[in-house]
C-alpha atoms as a PDB file:
ATOM      1  CA  MET A   1       0.007  -0.018   0.012  1.00  0.00           C
ATOM      2  CA  GLU A   2       1.334   3.398  -0.973  1.00  0.00           C
ATOM      3  CA  ASP A   3       1.669   6.121   1.649  1.00  0.00           C
ATOM      4  CA  ILE A   4      -0.183   9.298   0.827  1.00  0.00           C
ATOM      5  CA  VAL A   5       1.100  12.601   1.975  1.00  0.00           C
ATOM      6  CA  ILE A   6      -1.518  15.352   2.243  1.00  0.00           C
ATOM      7  CA  VAL A   7      -0.191  18.789   3.031  1.00  0.00           C
ATOM      8  CA  ASP A   8      -2.627  21.327   4.289  1.00  0.00           C
ATOM      9  CA  THR A   9      -0.856  24.510   3.266  1.00  0.00           C
ATOM     10  CA  ALA A  10      -2.980  26.961   5.113  1.00  0.00           C
ATOM     11  CA  MET A  11      -2.262  25.061   8.355  1.00  0.00           C
ATOM     12  CA  LEU A  12       1.408  24.799   7.395  1.00  0.00           C
ATOM     13  CA  LYS A  13       1.507  28.660   6.842  1.00  0.00           C
ATOM     14  CA  GLU A  14      -0.384  29.337  10.285  1.00  0.00           C
ATOM     15  CA  ILE A  15       1.949  27.021  12.127  1.00  0.00           C
ATOM     16  CA  SER A  16       5.082  28.413  10.499  1.00  0.00           C
ATOM     17  CA  HIS A  17       4.081  31.949  11.072  1.00  0.00           C
ATOM     18  CA  ASP A  18       3.434  31.186  14.802  1.00  0.00           C
ATOM     19  CA  ALA A  19       6.826  29.406  15.031  1.00  0.00           C
ATOM     20  CA  LEU A  20       8.659  32.394  13.437  1.00  0.00           C
ATOM     21  CA  ASN A  21       6.946  34.695  15.951  1.00  0.00           C
ATOM     22  CA  GLY A  22       8.045  32.377  18.837  1.00  0.00           C
ATOM     23  CA  ILE A  23      11.590  32.454  17.452  1.00  0.00           C
ATOM     24  CA  PHE A  24      11.430  36.256  17.206  1.00  0.00           C
ATOM     25  CA  ARG A  25      10.091  36.591  20.693  1.00  0.00           C
ATOM     26  CA  THR A  26      12.774  34.323  22.096  1.00  0.00           C
ATOM     27  CA  GLY A  27      15.503  36.302  20.393  1.00  0.00           C
ATOM     28  CA  LYS A  28      14.125  39.548  21.809  1.00  0.00           C
ATOM     29  CA  ALA A  29      14.073  37.925  25.295  1.00  0.00           C
ATOM     30  CA  PHE A  30      17.756  37.001  24.941  1.00  0.00           C
ATOM     31  CA  GLU A  31      18.531  40.562  23.768  1.00  0.00           C
ATOM     32  CA  GLU A  32      16.768  41.812  26.922  1.00  0.00           C
ATOM     33  CA  LEU A  33      18.743  39.413  29.103  1.00  0.00           C
ATOM     34  CA  ASN A  34      22.015  40.504  27.562  1.00  0.00           C
ATOM     35  CA  GLY A  35      21.012  44.182  28.369  1.00  0.00           C
ATOM     36  CA  LEU A  36      20.144  43.322  31.936  1.00  0.00           C
ATOM     37  CA  LEU A  37      23.366  41.429  32.456  1.00  0.00           C
ATOM     38  CA  GLY A  38      25.428  44.339  31.051  1.00  0.00           C
ATOM     39  CA  ALA A  39      23.504  46.814  33.224  1.00  0.00           C
ATOM     40  CA  SER A  40      23.942  44.680  36.375  1.00  0.00           C
ATOM     41  CA  ALA A  41      27.670  45.539  36.457  1.00  0.00           C
ATOM     42  CA  GLY A  42      26.861  48.611  38.656  1.00  0.00           C
ATOM     43  CA  TYR A  43      24.986  46.399  41.217  1.00  0.00           C
ATOM     44  CA  TRP A  44      27.035  43.200  41.073  1.00  0.00           C
ATOM     45  CA  GLN A  45      30.719  43.440  40.856  1.00  0.00           C
ATOM     46  CA  GLY A  46      33.441  40.844  41.350  1.00  0.00           C
ATOM     47  CA  GLU A  47      34.136  37.283  40.419  1.00  0.00           C
ATOM     48  CA  GLY A  48      30.453  36.192  40.546  1.00  0.00           C
ATOM     49  CA  HIS A  49      29.495  38.735  37.955  1.00  0.00           C
ATOM     50  CA  ASP A  50      32.517  38.071  35.801  1.00  0.00           C
ATOM     51  CA  ARG A  51      31.687  34.384  35.739  1.00  0.00           C
ATOM     52  CA  MET A  52      28.074  34.960  35.027  1.00  0.00           C
ATOM     53  CA  LEU A  53      29.002  37.225  32.099  1.00  0.00           C
ATOM     54  CA  TYR A  54      31.556  34.673  30.856  1.00  0.00           C
ATOM     55  CA  SER A  55      29.065  31.782  31.155  1.00  0.00           C
ATOM     56  CA  HIS A  56      26.372  33.672  29.324  1.00  0.00           C
ATOM     57  CA  GLY A  57      28.730  34.915  26.655  1.00  0.00           C
ATOM     58  CA  ILE A  58      29.649  31.296  25.877  1.00  0.00           C
ATOM     59  CA  ARG A  59      26.017  30.171  25.645  1.00  0.00           C
ATOM     60  CA  ARG A  60      24.849  33.354  23.920  1.00  0.00           C
ATOM     61  CA  ASP A  61      26.577  32.300  20.586  1.00  0.00           C
ATOM     62  CA  ASP A  62      24.947  28.835  20.943  1.00  0.00           C
ATOM     63  CA  TYR A  63      21.445  30.347  21.553  1.00  0.00           C
ATOM     64  CA  GLU A  64      21.728  32.793  18.653  1.00  0.00           C
ATOM     65  CA  ARG A  65      22.897  29.994  16.372  1.00  0.00           C
ATOM     66  CA  SER A  66      20.118  27.695  17.374  1.00  0.00           C
ATOM     67  CA  LEU A  67      17.495  30.347  16.864  1.00  0.00           C
ATOM     68  CA  LEU A  68      18.940  31.105  13.397  1.00  0.00           C
ATOM     69  CA  GLU A  69      18.844  27.373  12.555  1.00  0.00           C
ATOM     70  CA  LEU A  70      15.254  27.189  13.762  1.00  0.00           C
ATOM     71  CA  GLN A  71      14.351  30.158  11.654  1.00  0.00           C
ATOM     72  CA  HIS A  72      15.893  28.629   8.595  1.00  0.00           C
ATOM     73  CA  PHE A  73      14.209  25.244   9.210  1.00  0.00           C
ATOM     74  CA  VAL A  74      10.838  26.993   9.384  1.00  0.00           C
ATOM     75  CA  GLU A  75      11.582  28.973   6.242  1.00  0.00           C
ATOM     76  CA  ASP A  76      12.567  25.798   4.404  1.00  0.00           C
ATOM     77  CA  LEU A  77       9.087  24.180   5.523  1.00  0.00           C
ATOM     78  CA  GLN A  78       7.388  27.349   4.112  1.00  0.00           C
ATOM     79  CA  LYS A  79       9.261  26.905   0.784  1.00  0.00           C
ATOM     80  CA  ILE A  80       8.311  23.199   0.715  1.00  0.00           C
ATOM     81  CA  GLY A  81       4.633  24.073   1.426  1.00  0.00           C
ATOM     82  CA  GLY A  82       4.814  26.679  -1.473  1.00  0.00           C
ATOM     83  CA  VAL A  83       6.220  24.149  -3.878  1.00  0.00           C
ATOM     84  CA  TYR A  84       3.454  21.674  -2.981  1.00  0.00           C
ATOM     85  CA  GLU A  85       0.817  24.315  -3.331  1.00  0.00           C
ATOM     86  CA  GLN A  86       2.248  25.294  -6.795  1.00  0.00           C
ATOM     87  CA  ALA A  87       2.177  21.674  -7.903  1.00  0.00           C
ATOM     88  CA  GLU A  88      -1.391  21.379  -6.751  1.00  0.00           C
ATOM     89  CA  TRP A  89      -2.368  24.399  -8.725  1.00  0.00           C
ATOM     90  CA  ASP A  90      -0.496  23.189 -11.743  1.00  0.00           C
ATOM     91  CA  ASN A  91      -2.197  19.719 -11.513  1.00  0.00           C
ATOM     92  CA  ARG A  92      -5.620  21.297 -11.206  1.00  0.00           C
ATOM     93  CA  ASP A  93      -4.862  23.522 -14.151  1.00  0.00           C
ATOM     94  CA  THR A  94      -3.725  20.601 -16.256  1.00  0.00           C
ATOM     95  CA  ALA A  95      -6.645  18.441 -15.341  1.00  0.00           C
ATOM     96  CA  GLY A  96      -9.046  21.260 -16.166  1.00  0.00           C
ATOM     97  CA  ARG A  97      -7.748  21.622 -19.602  1.00  0.00           C
ATOM     98  CA  LEU A  98      -8.180  17.795 -20.298  1.00  0.00           C
ATOM     99  CA  GLY A  99     -11.326  16.717 -22.243  1.00  0.00           C
ATOM    100  CA  GLU A 100     -14.140  15.012 -20.635  1.00  0.00           C
ATOM    101  CA  GLY A 101     -13.708  11.120 -20.351  1.00  0.00           C
ATOM    102  CA  ILE A 102      -9.880  11.320 -20.291  1.00  0.00           C
ATOM    103  CA  LEU A 103      -9.688  10.924 -16.422  1.00  0.00           C
END
């Protein structure tokens, strides 16, 4: 038995839009955290603050890279959905031009 894949492009667009919004909000939250950590130097000085900045700095690159990869993944899914949608339109157009009794 053949597997049939049905892509609901409207749902794909909605979910990908929500995912991109979530990625954007997460990126903004990390930016705010960066600002808070930088601003905390006036209140928290010494080895503890330095270690926190160092630890966060190491992870910040990983967070930023992960968010960018997630964004690219979602954008790729949107492209795949667009290709599927275009193929459906092309198939319907071709089927519409066939004479009766051919299908």
